[in-house]
């Protein structure tokens, strides 16, 4: 990502919050055949410290295309983002921008056993089905679910480093931030309530806790 140290997110908990709220991610691998990218949902595994551990699965033969387990991969997580029009700025400020919350995470995937993979698949289904009025589980027909699961390969990625940014107009005056948030909450073509929520969250945080503070 572009080097913007004043927008850095340096806390693992902030990155975990981003992953938890935006589980659809991109896996990028630099393989012997070239660069490969795929898209899958990820969950966080519970840890007792600042470690970030991701679990997911890929469909066969993606595990071969990515050479999973042989080298480091990059996982890109994209949170709320959107165009910021200069119509929301004072007349003297006419250059637009794009606000976003993004994390790049690196690690070497571990290949899960068939049993671990099935457990993770079940957790993925349960995680997303919890929002439904009548959640469906793989337990409905475990035999069929296990047969289908054979077409997938489970992975665990222990994140060894990350580069995350929350670019949310922290470099603008408070009254300009107010106007941008109002524009994002409006009914115009670039309305984005989720992005406005992120800006509100950063604005309400104390200076020592803001996601966009400089790295220490």
Foldseek 3Di string as FASTA:
>chain_A
DPPDQLFWFDALVVVLVLCLVFQWKKKWAQDPVGIDIDIWGWHFDDDDDSWTKIKTKAFPPVCVVRVAQPDKIKIKGWDDKFKFACVLPPPVDHDIDMFTKMKIFMFGKDWDDLVVLLVVVQVVQCSVQVPPPDRDGCVVPVVVSSVVSVRMIMIMGTTPDMTIGGRQPPVPDPSSSVSRLVVLCDDDPTNDPRSSVLNVVQVPDDQVNHSSHGDD
